[in-house]
Amino acid sequence: MAKPKADDDPEKRIEDLKRRAEELCGGQMEVGTLDDCPAETEEAFWQQLVDYEEAPWTTHFQELEKAGVSLSPPDSLKDKELTAKLWEVIQKLALLHVFIQETDHLSDRELYTRLWTDSLREETKALPMAANSAYHLQMLGSGSEEDNLLYLKYYADDASRQQWQEEFPGDPIPGHEDPPYDRDRVLPKPDYGPITGREPN
């Protein structure tokens, strides 16, 4: 029987990936045991880790520009132009597997300005996205007191408000109000279908 090639040996591939991951992390890597995992699962884990460390940094702003979206400064756009630009950005982000959440407390101008000046400029890894994966831009995801109050006021249901009160009894719970805008229900949503692996480049 012919001896299997090194590339056909899962244990060899896993060890190579481990060494590469350690090199990329500068030797500062701590990972819990994966002894109970099937070899295929362990290999996939290490491959994802190496892919992440090797991927360059980018921003959603840069990726939108690469996709042909002209991101005009908010102050240069009239209201109708800005609304059209906002929805162009929203639709193109969805094609890039990036989805915006919790926007109904913001006007079109406020949302576009927030995206243009802040959210789209946060650094992220330029990784190929699987067909069933998604990146979420939460407009109330900072964890700040202001964001928490806005979440409780406009978005939290009764059960969430009750749970919040139990977990954080010292926090004020504002009365519920309907948000001033109605956008979230028509925003693109991710399609979490069955795992099919990465999309081809």
Protein backbone atom coordinates (compact mmCIF):
# COMPACT_ATOMS: atom_id res chain seq x y z
CA MET A 1 0.00 0.00 0.00
CA ALA A 2 1.36 3.41 -0.95
CA LYS A 3 2.32 5.68 1.92
CA PRO A 4 -0.08 8.63 2.18
CA LYS A 5 1.31 12.00 1.18
CA ALA A 6 1.85 14.53 3.96
CA ASP A 7 -0.95 16.69 2.53
CA ASP A 8 -3.32 13.74 2.89
CA ASP A 9 -2.52 13.35 6.60
CA PRO A 10 -4.98 15.34 8.76
CA GLU A 11 -2.67 15.22 11.80
CA LYS A 12 0.18 16.67 9.73
CA ARG A 13 -2.05 19.46 8.39
CA ILE A 14 -3.27 20.26 11.90
CA GLU A 15 0.28 20.44 13.26
CA ASP A 16 1.31 22.71 10.37
CA LEU A 17 -1.65 24.98 11.06
CA LYS A 18 -0.83 25.08 14.78
CA ARG A 19 2.75 26.12 14.04
CA ARG A 20 1.59 28.78 11.61
CA ALA A 21 -0.95 30.11 14.11
CA GLU A 22 1.72 30.32 16.80
CA GLU A 23 4.04 32.19 14.43
CA LEU A 24 1.30 34.65 13.51
CA CYS A 25 0.43 35.22 17.17
CA GLY A 26 4.06 35.81 18.08
CA GLY A 27 4.04 32.85 20.45
CA GLN A 28 1.39 34.54 22.64
CA MET A 29 -1.33 32.00 21.97
CA GLU A 30 -3.41 30.12 24.52
CA VAL A 31 -6.00 27.63 23.30
CA GLY A 32 -7.98 25.15 25.37
CA THR A 33 -7.84 21.48 24.60
CA LEU A 34 -9.50 20.23 21.42
CA ASP A 35 -8.82 16.58 22.16
CA ASP A 36 -12.49 15.56 21.98
CA CYS A 37 -13.02 17.15 18.56
CA PRO A 38 -13.06 15.16 15.34
CA ALA A 39 -9.96 15.83 13.23
CA GLU A 40 -12.06 17.61 10.61
CA THR A 41 -13.48 20.02 13.19
CA GLU A 42 -10.07 20.68 14.74
CA GLU A 43 -8.51 21.33 11.36
CA ALA A 44 -11.31 23.73 10.46
CA PHE A 45 -10.76 25.58 13.76
CA TRP A 46 -7.05 26.05 13.17
CA GLN A 47 -7.61 27.00 9.53
CA GLN A 48 -10.06 29.72 10.58
CA LEU A 49 -7.58 30.99 13.15
CA VAL A 50 -4.76 31.16 10.60
CA ASP A 51 -7.04 32.78 8.01
CA TYR A 52 -8.04 35.44 10.53
CA GLU A 53 -4.48 36.24 11.56
CA GLU A 54 -3.25 36.36 7.97
CA ALA A 55 -6.10 38.53 6.69
CA PRO A 56 -5.35 42.24 6.21
CA TRP A 57 -7.23 44.91 8.12
CA THR A 58 -9.87 46.95 6.32
CA THR A 59 -13.02 48.97 7.03
CA HIS A 60 -16.53 48.69 5.66
CA PHE A 61 -16.00 52.19 4.30
CA GLN A 62 -13.08 50.92 2.21
CA GLU A 63 -14.97 47.81 1.10
CA LEU A 64 -17.92 49.93 -0.05
CA GLU A 65 -15.62 52.17 -2.05
CA LYS A 66 -14.03 49.09 -3.63
CA ALA A 67 -17.53 47.94 -4.56
CA GLY A 68 -18.10 51.20 -6.42
CA VAL A 69 -20.11 53.14 -3.83
CA SER A 70 -19.26 56.84 -3.65
CA LEU A 71 -19.54 57.85 0.00
CA SER A 72 -20.29 61.55 -0.12
CA PRO A 73 -19.92 63.56 3.11
CA PRO A 74 -23.32 64.04 4.80
CA ASP A 75 -23.09 67.83 4.67
CA SER A 76 -22.71 67.74 0.88
CA LEU A 77 -26.06 65.99 0.35
CA LYS A 78 -29.56 67.42 0.32
CA ASP A 79 -32.18 65.45 2.21
CA LYS A 80 -33.49 63.46 -0.79
CA GLU A 81 -29.96 62.80 -2.04
CA LEU A 82 -28.92 61.65 1.40
CA THR A 83 -31.85 59.25 1.75
CA ALA A 84 -31.06 57.73 -1.65
CA LYS A 85 -27.40 57.40 -0.70
CA LEU A 86 -28.27 55.84 2.65
CA TRP A 87 -30.31 53.09 0.99
CA GLU A 88 -27.61 52.50 -1.59
CA VAL A 89 -25.19 51.96 1.28
CA ILE A 90 -27.63 49.70 3.14
CA GLN A 91 -28.27 47.52 0.09
CA LYS A 92 -24.59 47.27 -0.85
CA LEU A 93 -23.63 46.39 2.72
CA ALA A 94 -26.17 43.56 2.63
CA LEU A 95 -24.48 42.17 -0.48
CA LEU A 96 -21.25 42.24 1.54
CA HIS A 97 -23.02 40.31 4.36
CA VAL A 98 -23.11 43.40 6.60
CA PHE A 99 -26.45 44.23 8.23
CA ILE A 100 -27.51 47.28 10.22
CA GLN A 101 -29.71 46.94 13.32
CA GLU A 102 -31.65 49.19 15.71
CA THR A 103 -31.93 52.31 13.60
CA ASP A 104 -35.51 53.49 14.25
CA HIS A 105 -34.43 56.14 16.75
CA LEU A 106 -32.31 57.86 14.07
CA SER A 107 -33.41 60.01 11.15
CA ASP A 108 -31.95 59.25 7.72
CA ARG A 109 -29.46 62.06 8.15
CA GLU A 110 -28.50 60.98 11.66
CA LEU A 111 -28.03 57.37 10.55
CA TYR A 112 -26.00 58.19 7.45
CA THR A 113 -23.85 60.61 9.44
CA ARG A 114 -23.27 57.98 12.12
CA LEU A 115 -22.29 55.42 9.49
CA TRP A 116 -20.09 57.83 7.54
CA THR A 117 -18.22 59.26 10.52
CA ASP A 118 -17.98 56.25 12.81
CA SER A 119 -19.48 52.80 12.21
CA LEU A 120 -18.17 52.24 8.68
CA ARG A 121 -14.67 53.35 9.69
CA GLU A 122 -14.12 50.77 12.43
CA GLU A 123 -11.37 48.34 11.48
CA THR A 124 -12.27 44.75 10.69
CA LYS A 125 -10.55 41.81 9.09
CA ALA A 126 -10.92 41.37 5.32
CA LEU A 127 -12.15 37.79 5.47
CA PRO A 128 -14.20 35.96 2.84
CA MET A 129 -17.69 35.54 4.21
CA ALA A 130 -19.48 32.20 4.17
CA ALA A 131 -22.85 32.16 2.44
CA ASN A 132 -24.66 31.80 5.78
CA SER A 133 -22.55 34.28 7.77
CA ALA A 134 -23.22 37.91 8.63
CA TYR A 135 -21.60 40.92 10.26
CA HIS A 136 -23.91 43.13 12.31
CA LEU A 137 -23.57 46.88 12.76
CA GLN A 138 -25.60 47.65 15.86
CA MET A 139 -26.44 51.31 16.29
CA LEU A 140 -26.92 50.70 20.01
CA GLY A 141 -24.10 48.26 20.57
CA SER A 142 -21.58 50.38 22.45
CA GLY A 143 -22.80 49.42 25.94
CA SER A 144 -22.86 53.09 26.96
CA GLU A 145 -25.48 54.35 29.39
CA GLU A 146 -27.08 56.39 26.60
CA ASP A 147 -27.31 53.38 24.28
CA ASN A 148 -28.75 51.23 27.05
CA LEU A 149 -31.45 53.80 27.80
CA LEU A 150 -32.35 54.12 24.12
CA TYR A 151 -32.56 50.34 23.80
CA LEU A 152 -34.83 50.04 26.82
CA LYS A 153 -36.97 52.96 25.69
CA TYR A 154 -37.52 52.00 22.07
CA TYR A 155 -36.58 48.37 21.41
CA ALA A 156 -36.80 46.16 24.52
CA ASP A 157 -39.98 44.12 24.93
CA ASP A 158 -41.61 43.60 28.32
CA ALA A 159 -39.69 40.39 29.05
CA SER A 160 -36.36 42.03 28.19
CA ARG A 161 -37.17 45.06 30.35
CA GLN A 162 -38.10 42.81 33.27
CA GLN A 163 -34.92 40.77 32.89
CA TRP A 164 -32.85 43.96 32.73
CA GLN A 165 -34.45 45.23 35.93
CA GLU A 166 -33.66 41.96 37.69
CA GLU A 167 -30.04 41.89 36.53
CA PHE A 168 -29.38 45.61 37.02
CA PRO A 169 -31.73 46.75 39.80
CA GLY A 170 -29.96 50.11 40.10
CA ASP A 171 -30.50 51.08 36.46
CA PRO A 172 -33.40 53.38 35.59
CA ILE A 173 -35.95 51.78 33.26
CA PRO A 174 -37.54 54.43 31.02
CA GLY A 175 -41.14 54.04 29.94
CA HIS A 176 -41.60 52.41 26.56
CA GLU A 177 -42.12 54.68 23.56
CA ASP A 178 -42.53 53.84 19.90
CA PRO A 179 -39.43 54.99 18.03
CA PRO A 180 -39.84 58.10 15.86
CA TYR A 181 -38.93 56.31 12.63
CA ASP A 182 -40.01 53.05 10.96
CA ARG A 183 -37.03 51.65 9.07
CA ASP A 184 -35.85 48.47 10.77
CA ARG A 185 -38.71 46.30 9.51
CA VAL A 186 -37.67 46.87 5.88
CA LEU A 187 -33.90 46.64 6.36
CA PRO A 188 -32.20 43.67 4.66
CA LYS A 189 -31.91 40.66 6.97
CA PRO A 190 -29.29 37.89 6.90
CA ASP A 191 -30.30 34.51 5.54
CA TYR A 192 -28.91 31.90 7.92
CA GLY A 193 -29.24 28.93 5.62
CA PRO A 194 -27.43 25.62 6.00
CA ILE A 195 -23.66 25.75 6.34
CA THR A 196 -22.20 25.27 2.88
CA GLY A 197 -18.64 26.51 3.38
CA ARG A 198 -17.07 29.56 1.88
CA GLU A 199 -18.25 31.22 -1.24
CA PRO A 200 -15.83 30.97 -4.13
CA ASN A 201 -13.60 33.98 -4.70
